[in-house]
N, C-alpha and C. Protein backbone atom coordinates (compact mmCIF):
# COMPACT_ATOMS: atom_id res chain seq x y z
N MET A 1 1.04 -1.48 -0.10
CA MET A 1 0.29 0.20 0.30
C MET A 1 1.00 1.48 0.40
N THR A 2 0.81 1.90 -1.14
CA THR A 2 1.48 3.16 -1.31
C THR A 2 0.51 4.55 -0.92
N GLY A 3 1.14 5.81 -0.57
CA GLY A 3 0.54 7.17 -0.21
C GLY A 3 -0.01 6.98 0.85
N ARG A 4 -1.33 6.25 1.31
CA ARG A 4 -2.16 6.46 2.70
C ARG A 4 -1.54 5.32 3.63
N SER A 5 -1.39 6.01 4.74
CA SER A 5 -1.45 4.88 6.29
C SER A 5 -2.83 4.45 6.57
N VAL A 6 -3.83 5.05 5.98
CA VAL A 6 -5.22 4.74 6.52
C VAL A 6 -6.33 4.94 5.35
N PRO A 7 -6.81 3.67 5.43
CA PRO A 7 -7.59 3.24 3.94
C PRO A 7 -8.64 4.50 3.80
N GLU A 8 -9.27 4.76 2.79
CA GLU A 8 -10.10 5.94 2.78
C GLU A 8 -11.62 5.43 3.38
N TRP A 9 -12.19 6.10 3.63
CA TRP A 9 -13.55 6.39 4.17
C TRP A 9 -14.43 5.89 3.03
N GLN A 10 -15.28 4.85 2.97
CA GLN A 10 -16.42 4.96 1.51
C GLN A 10 -17.54 4.35 2.66
N GLY A 11 -18.71 5.10 2.38
CA GLY A 11 -19.96 5.37 3.33
C GLY A 11 -20.68 3.92 2.43
N ALA A 12 -21.24 2.99 3.75
CA ALA A 12 -21.99 2.19 3.12
C ALA A 12 -23.18 1.93 1.86
N THR A 13 -23.66 3.17 2.74
CA THR A 13 -24.82 3.49 1.37
C THR A 13 -24.91 5.15 1.61
N PRO A 14 -25.79 5.68 0.74
CA PRO A 14 -25.13 6.96 0.06
C PRO A 14 -26.23 8.15 1.22
N ASP A 15 -26.84 7.38 2.38
CA ASP A 15 -27.13 8.38 3.53
C ASP A 15 -26.16 7.85 4.95
N ALA A 16 -25.49 7.18 4.55
CA ALA A 16 -24.79 7.19 5.96
C ALA A 16 -24.09 8.32 6.39
N ALA A 17 -23.88 8.41 7.58
CA ALA A 17 -23.61 9.83 8.46
C ALA A 17 -21.88 9.61 8.23
N ILE A 18 -21.02 10.20 8.02
CA ILE A 18 -19.39 10.61 8.07
C ILE A 18 -19.46 10.60 9.11
N PRO A 19 -18.30 9.92 9.96
CA PRO A 19 -17.56 9.84 11.15
C PRO A 19 -16.86 11.57 11.11
N PRO A 20 -16.56 11.77 12.32
CA PRO A 20 -15.87 12.70 13.25
C PRO A 20 -14.27 12.84 12.14
N ARG A 21 -14.18 11.62 12.64
CA ARG A 21 -12.23 11.68 12.13
C ARG A 21 -12.30 12.04 10.80
N VAL A 22 -13.35 11.10 9.99
CA VAL A 22 -13.50 11.85 8.28
C VAL A 22 -13.38 13.32 8.22
N ARG A 23 -14.63 13.94 9.05
CA ARG A 23 -14.85 15.07 8.73
C ARG A 23 -13.21 15.67 9.15
N LEU A 24 -12.52 15.33 9.94
CA LEU A 24 -11.58 16.11 10.28
C LEU A 24 -10.42 15.86 9.30
N ARG A 25 -9.94 14.91 8.53
CA ARG A 25 -9.06 14.69 7.53
C ARG A 25 -9.50 15.16 6.34
N VAL A 26 -10.94 15.29 5.88
CA VAL A 26 -11.06 16.08 4.89
C VAL A 26 -10.71 17.38 5.26
N PHE A 27 -11.23 18.47 6.45
CA PHE A 27 -11.16 19.56 6.86
C PHE A 27 -9.24 20.07 6.92
N GLU A 28 -8.61 19.26 7.08
CA GLU A 28 -6.77 19.23 7.10
C GLU A 28 -6.90 19.32 5.97
N ARG A 29 -7.05 18.55 4.95
CA ARG A 29 -7.05 18.06 3.51
C ARG A 29 -7.22 19.59 2.68
N CYS A 30 -8.31 20.27 3.15
CA CYS A 30 -8.88 21.48 2.19
C CYS A 30 -8.49 22.58 2.57
N GLY A 31 -7.31 22.71 3.92
CA GLY A 31 -6.30 23.66 4.68
C GLY A 31 -7.31 24.36 5.15
N GLY A 32 -8.55 24.11 5.74
CA GLY A 32 -9.90 24.75 6.21
C GLY A 32 -10.20 25.69 5.39
N LYS A 33 -9.93 26.16 4.59
CA LYS A 33 -10.98 26.90 3.64
C LYS A 33 -12.05 26.26 2.53
N CYS A 34 -13.23 27.23 2.45
CA CYS A 34 -14.18 26.80 1.88
C CYS A 34 -14.13 26.69 0.23
N ALA A 35 -14.57 25.38 -0.24
CA ALA A 35 -14.08 25.17 -2.03
C ALA A 35 -14.87 26.06 -2.54
N LEU A 36 -15.94 26.63 -2.09
CA LEU A 36 -16.95 27.54 -3.08
C LEU A 36 -16.30 28.76 -3.18
N THR A 37 -15.75 29.75 -1.61
CA THR A 37 -16.11 31.24 -2.00
C THR A 37 -14.30 30.81 -1.77
N GLY A 38 -13.86 30.27 -0.90
CA GLY A 38 -12.38 30.43 -0.82
C GLY A 38 -11.86 31.16 0.54
N ARG A 39 -12.92 31.07 1.28
CA ARG A 39 -12.93 31.91 2.51
C ARG A 39 -12.13 30.79 3.84
N LYS A 40 -11.57 31.27 4.32
CA LYS A 40 -11.25 30.76 5.49
C LYS A 40 -12.28 30.46 6.66
N ILE A 41 -12.18 28.93 6.84
CA ILE A 41 -12.91 28.64 7.87
C ILE A 41 -12.91 29.06 9.21
N MET A 42 -13.89 30.00 10.02
CA MET A 42 -12.76 30.74 11.50
C MET A 42 -13.65 29.33 12.45
N PRO A 43 -13.33 29.64 13.61
CA PRO A 43 -13.77 29.05 14.44
C PRO A 43 -14.98 29.65 14.90
N GLY A 44 -16.16 28.56 15.32
CA GLY A 44 -17.66 29.42 15.93
C GLY A 44 -17.94 29.33 14.15
N ASP A 45 -17.64 29.33 13.26
CA ASP A 45 -18.30 29.71 11.86
C ASP A 45 -18.96 28.15 11.53
N GLU A 46 -20.50 27.81 10.90
CA GLU A 46 -20.90 26.46 10.81
C GLU A 46 -20.25 26.16 9.20
N TRP A 47 -19.96 24.84 9.49
CA TRP A 47 -19.54 24.16 7.74
C TRP A 47 -20.47 23.11 7.36
N ASP A 48 -20.12 22.44 6.16
CA ASP A 48 -20.56 21.16 5.75
C ASP A 48 -19.16 20.45 5.10
N LEU A 49 -19.77 19.26 4.87
CA LEU A 49 -19.20 18.65 3.76
C LEU A 49 -19.76 18.16 2.66
N ASP A 50 -19.68 18.52 1.33
CA ASP A 50 -20.24 18.50 -0.03
C ASP A 50 -19.56 17.85 -0.74
N HIS A 51 -20.40 16.90 -1.60
CA HIS A 51 -19.85 15.99 -1.98
C HIS A 51 -19.28 16.83 -3.66
N GLU A 52 -17.90 16.62 -4.08
CA GLU A 52 -17.50 17.40 -5.33
C GLU A 52 -18.54 17.00 -6.33
N THR A 53 -18.55 15.47 -6.58
CA THR A 53 -19.66 15.23 -7.59
C THR A 53 -20.39 14.56 -7.12
N PRO A 54 -21.74 15.67 -7.42
CA PRO A 54 -23.08 14.97 -6.56
C PRO A 54 -23.50 13.28 -6.50
N LEU A 55 -23.82 13.16 -5.56
CA LEU A 55 -24.18 11.88 -5.54
C LEU A 55 -25.12 11.30 -6.95
N SER A 56 -26.33 12.61 -6.62
CA SER A 56 -27.44 12.46 -7.99
C SER A 56 -26.61 12.53 -9.22
N MET A 57 -25.42 12.72 -9.44
CA MET A 57 -25.05 12.59 -10.50
C MET A 57 -23.76 11.73 -10.98
N GLY A 58 -24.09 10.29 -9.87
CA GLY A 58 -23.03 9.26 -10.22
C GLY A 58 -22.34 9.28 -9.22
N GLY A 59 -21.75 10.39 -8.23
CA GLY A 59 -20.58 10.56 -7.31
C GLY A 59 -20.60 9.54 -6.46
N ARG A 60 -19.24 9.04 -5.61
CA ARG A 60 -19.09 8.24 -4.66
C ARG A 60 -19.47 9.26 -3.13
N HIS A 61 -19.95 8.37 -2.50
CA HIS A 61 -19.67 8.75 -1.08
C HIS A 61 -18.56 8.06 -0.25
N ALA A 62 -17.51 9.12 -0.57
CA ALA A 62 -16.59 8.94 0.04
C ALA A 62 -15.48 9.82 0.26
N GLU A 63 -14.89 9.73 0.84
CA GLU A 63 -13.76 10.83 1.71
C GLU A 63 -13.19 11.75 0.32
N SER A 64 -12.99 10.80 -0.84
CA SER A 64 -11.88 11.63 -1.64
C SER A 64 -13.19 12.37 -2.62
N ASN A 65 -14.30 12.35 -2.31
CA ASN A 65 -15.09 13.38 -2.96
C ASN A 65 -16.07 14.21 -2.20
N LEU A 66 -15.50 14.17 -0.60
CA LEU A 66 -16.01 15.28 0.10
C LEU A 66 -14.96 16.57 -0.12
N ARG A 67 -15.84 17.65 0.25
CA ARG A 67 -15.26 19.03 0.60
C ARG A 67 -15.60 19.88 1.38
N VAL A 68 -14.60 20.82 1.93
CA VAL A 68 -15.30 21.59 2.82
C VAL A 68 -16.13 22.61 2.52
N VAL A 69 -17.00 23.07 2.53
CA VAL A 69 -17.94 24.52 2.52
C VAL A 69 -18.73 25.10 3.52
N TRP A 70 -18.36 26.46 3.85
CA TRP A 70 -19.13 27.48 4.34
C TRP A 70 -20.87 27.21 4.03
N ARG A 71 -21.36 26.94 5.24
CA ARG A 71 -22.73 26.74 5.53
C ARG A 71 -23.50 27.38 4.53
N PRO A 72 -23.14 28.95 4.61
CA PRO A 72 -24.16 29.66 3.92
C PRO A 72 -23.88 29.78 2.08
N ALA A 73 -22.98 29.39 1.69
CA ALA A 73 -22.63 29.16 0.49
C ALA A 73 -23.08 27.78 0.01
N HIS A 74 -23.01 26.93 0.94
CA HIS A 74 -23.68 25.45 0.51
C HIS A 74 -25.18 25.48 0.59
N ARG A 75 -25.63 26.02 0.92
CA ARG A 75 -27.55 26.31 1.08
C ARG A 75 -27.85 26.94 -0.35
N GLU A 76 -26.73 28.12 -0.66
CA GLU A 76 -27.00 28.68 -1.98
C GLU A 76 -26.85 27.73 -3.15
N LYS A 77 -25.46 26.95 -2.93
CA LYS A 77 -25.29 25.92 -4.09
C LYS A 77 -26.55 25.02 -4.28
N THR A 78 -27.03 24.06 -3.00
CA THR A 78 -28.10 23.09 -2.90
C THR A 78 -29.12 23.78 -3.77
N ALA A 79 -29.71 24.69 -3.44
CA ALA A 79 -30.83 25.24 -4.01
C ALA A 79 -30.84 25.64 -5.47
N VAL A 80 -29.79 25.90 -6.12
CA VAL A 80 -29.34 25.74 -7.69
C VAL A 80 -29.19 24.35 -8.30
N GLU A 81 -28.74 23.49 -7.47
CA GLU A 81 -28.65 22.22 -8.03
C GLU A 81 -30.05 21.53 -7.98
N ALA A 82 -30.86 21.66 -6.91
CA ALA A 82 -32.26 21.55 -6.71
C ALA A 82 -32.81 21.35 -7.89
N THR A 83 -32.67 22.74 -8.53
CA THR A 83 -33.74 23.46 -9.49
C THR A 83 -33.46 22.73 -10.49
N ALA A 84 -32.16 22.81 -10.79
CA ALA A 84 -31.40 21.96 -11.97
C ALA A 84 -31.61 20.68 -12.13
N ARG A 85 -31.73 19.86 -11.37
CA ARG A 85 -31.67 18.32 -10.99
C ARG A 85 -33.45 18.14 -11.53
N ALA A 86 -34.08 19.31 -10.85
CA ALA A 86 -35.86 19.05 -11.19
C ALA A 86 -36.25 18.80 -12.36
N LYS A 87 -35.27 19.79 -13.39
CA LYS A 87 -35.53 20.19 -14.49
C LYS A 87 -35.32 18.89 -15.48
N ALA A 88 -34.24 18.62 -15.19
CA ALA A 88 -33.38 17.18 -15.56
C ALA A 88 -34.15 16.15 -15.62
N ASP A 89 -34.91 16.03 -14.30
CA ASP A 89 -35.62 14.73 -14.12
C ASP A 89 -36.92 14.74 -14.91
N ARG A 90 -37.77 16.05 -15.34
CA ARG A 90 -39.08 16.14 -15.95
C ARG A 90 -38.57 16.02 -17.30
N MET A 91 -36.97 16.69 -17.71
CA MET A 91 -36.98 16.14 -19.04
C MET A 91 -36.72 14.88 -19.24
N ARG A 92 -36.23 13.84 -18.40
CA ARG A 92 -35.74 12.51 -18.82
C ARG A 92 -37.24 11.93 -18.88
N LEU A 93 -38.27 12.15 -17.71
CA LEU A 93 -39.69 11.76 -18.62
C LEU A 93 -40.21 11.93 -19.14
N LYS A 94 -40.30 13.04 -20.17
CA LYS A 94 -40.67 13.62 -20.85
C LYS A 94 -40.25 12.59 -22.17
N HIS A 95 -39.25 12.39 -22.41
CA HIS A 95 -38.45 11.87 -23.08
C HIS A 95 -38.71 10.21 -23.33
N LEU A 96 -39.28 10.02 -22.03
CA LEU A 96 -39.40 8.52 -21.95
C LEU A 96 -40.84 8.24 -21.81
N GLY A 97 -41.73 9.37 -22.19
CA GLY A 97 -43.28 9.37 -22.84
C GLY A 97 -44.08 9.38 -21.50
N ILE A 98 -43.56 9.70 -20.09
CA ILE A 98 -44.35 9.79 -18.96
C ILE A 98 -44.53 11.33 -18.67
N TYR A 99 -45.92 11.33 -18.40
CA TYR A 99 -45.89 12.79 -18.76
C TYR A 99 -46.93 12.94 -17.47
N PRO A 100 -46.05 13.28 -16.13
CA PRO A 100 -47.07 13.49 -15.17
C PRO A 100 -48.13 14.26 -14.99
N LYS A 101 -49.01 13.91 -14.01
CA LYS A 101 -50.44 14.90 -13.94
C LYS A 101 -50.14 16.29 -13.64
N SER A 102 -50.68 17.06 -14.79
CA SER A 102 -50.93 18.72 -14.56
C SER A 102 -51.30 19.07 -13.50
N LYS A 103 -50.95 20.39 -12.81
CA LYS A 103 -51.18 20.45 -11.31
C LYS A 103 -51.94 21.67 -11.56
N ALA A 104 -51.99 22.20 -12.95
CA ALA A 104 -52.35 23.55 -13.32
C ALA A 104 -54.04 22.78 -13.85
N ARG A 105 -54.54 23.88 -13.14
CA ARG A 105 -56.54 23.92 -13.29
C ARG A 105 -56.77 24.32 -15.01
N ILE A 106 -57.51 23.76 -15.43
CA ILE A 106 -57.84 24.41 -16.84
C ILE A 106 -59.02 25.15 -16.92
N ARG A 107 -58.84 26.61 -17.17
CA ARG A 107 -59.66 27.91 -17.07
C ARG A 107 -60.53 27.58 -18.24
N SER A 108 -61.85 27.57 -17.77
CA SER A 108 -62.90 27.75 -19.23
C SER A 108 -63.08 29.30 -19.29
N ARG A 109 -63.82 29.70 -20.93
CA ARG A 109 -63.77 31.20 -20.98
C ARG A 109 -65.06 31.05 -20.16
N GLY A 110 -66.05 29.92 -19.86
CA GLY A 110 -67.14 30.31 -19.34
C GLY A 110 -68.42 30.22 -20.65
N PHE A 111 -69.70 30.28 -20.17
CA PHE A 111 -70.83 30.32 -21.20
C PHE A 111 -71.33 31.23 -22.04
N GLU A 112 -71.55 31.66 -23.16
CA GLU A 112 -71.74 32.55 -23.73
C GLU A 112 -73.23 33.33 -23.29
N LYS A 113 -73.12 34.43 -23.41
CA LYS A 113 -74.19 34.97 -22.87
C LYS A 113 -75.45 34.99 -23.28
N THR A 114 -77.00 34.55 -23.38
CA THR A 114 -77.94 34.39 -24.46
C THR A 114 -78.56 36.05 -24.29
N ARG A 115 -78.89 36.40 -25.35
CA ARG A 115 -80.14 37.94 -25.67
C ARG A 115 -80.88 37.54 -25.86
N ARG A 116 -81.84 38.05 -25.23
CA ARG A 116 -83.34 37.71 -25.03
C ARG A 116 -84.12 38.98 -26.06
N GLU A 117 -84.56 38.34 -27.07
CA GLU A 117 -85.01 39.64 -28.20
C GLU A 117 -86.53 39.67 -27.51
N ALA A 118 -86.64 40.99 -28.21
CA ALA A 118 -88.36 41.44 -27.70
C ALA A 118 -89.17 41.42 -28.72
C-alpha cells in the first residue's frame, strides 16, 4: 500500500453518516478553506461537507469526493442544484413518454350570454 497509511472511508449507503475522524481529515486536506468561496473557515463558523460530484450525478459517498464548504454558500449551491436536478428529471420523464399529471387547473372561458329578443 503506497500513499495513505489509513484506508479511504467510503459510506456503506449514500445516506451513511460521515464519522468525525473523516470530517477532520477532509478539513485538514482542504486547508480549512471553503471550496466554493475560498473563505477561511473560522472557529464558530458553521460548515458542511459537500460532494464534489453530487450523488445524483453518479458521485461516490467517499472521502475523496468530499470537500469543506461554508454553510451559507452550501445552501445557495444546493438550491441551484435542486432546481437543475428537478428540470433534468422532468426532461428525462418527458423523453420516456411519461407525462406527470399537471397541477394546473384548466380555465374555461365560461358560457356565452344569451340575448333576449323582444
